[in-house]
Amino acid sequence: MAALSTSLDKLSNLKRLQVYCGGSVYWCGDALSSPSPPFLNLERLGHSGCTFSRVPRWIGCLRSLRDLRLGAKEVLQEDVDIIGTKLPSLVYLALRIPGIPTGRIVIGGSTGFPCLKTFWFDCDRMSFLTFEAGAMPALRQMWLRLDTGGWDKAAPVGLRHLPASLEKITIYRTEEANHELIRSVFEEAADAHPTRPALRLGLYIARCREEDDY
């Protein structure tokens, strides 16, 4: 990671960066947490199998970013606010939080995300995510991934506050267990939405073919 960081410092015109770490173990990406990245023209950033301790501060400098796929052990409210307000062109966001979040994440009208169309949230503690009025006004698709054994038996709070443009909610689980419970919990949440978006359940097997992994 340190060698990669040194190489990236020379790529000022970089438009797309995908860091892929093979295998089942997530690697620490903190060596890439440079305080002032040179690739400010970046439009797509993904870290497959790579997890940061904290959301890097330089993420907020990537004003041209349209696609962000990020994993971090600690995601604070201020991190979400930065992503939502400092990245005005963002249309795709995949956020992975392994383990138990350190605090609740609240997304509302003042949190930004004016152009976001697809939101992928990978976290077993779904109840730690809350949507308030005006959240993600252009959202069309939501993808949720959970570990069946660690799931907190809840859906994100306030799904009814998402916009009428929301067409589909897809839930991926790691095992067949709790299928009916998962369907029941998320159907109730989806039915509370004014336009009742379509709900789909599936098994997450290595890579989901319909969307690139992150």
Foldseek 3Di string as FASTA:
>chain_A
DLVVLVVQQPCLQDAEDEAADDDDAAAEPVSNLDLAGNPLNYAEYYYHSYEYQEDRPCLLSNQNHAYYAHEHQEYDQVNQLSNFPSHQNHAYYAYEHPDDYPAAHEFEQNSHLARHAEYEYEYQEQQSYEYDANGNANYAEYEYEHEPVSHPLAHHHPPQRYYPNHAEYEYEYADPPPVVSVCVRVQVVLVSHPNSHYYYYYYCDPADVVDGDD
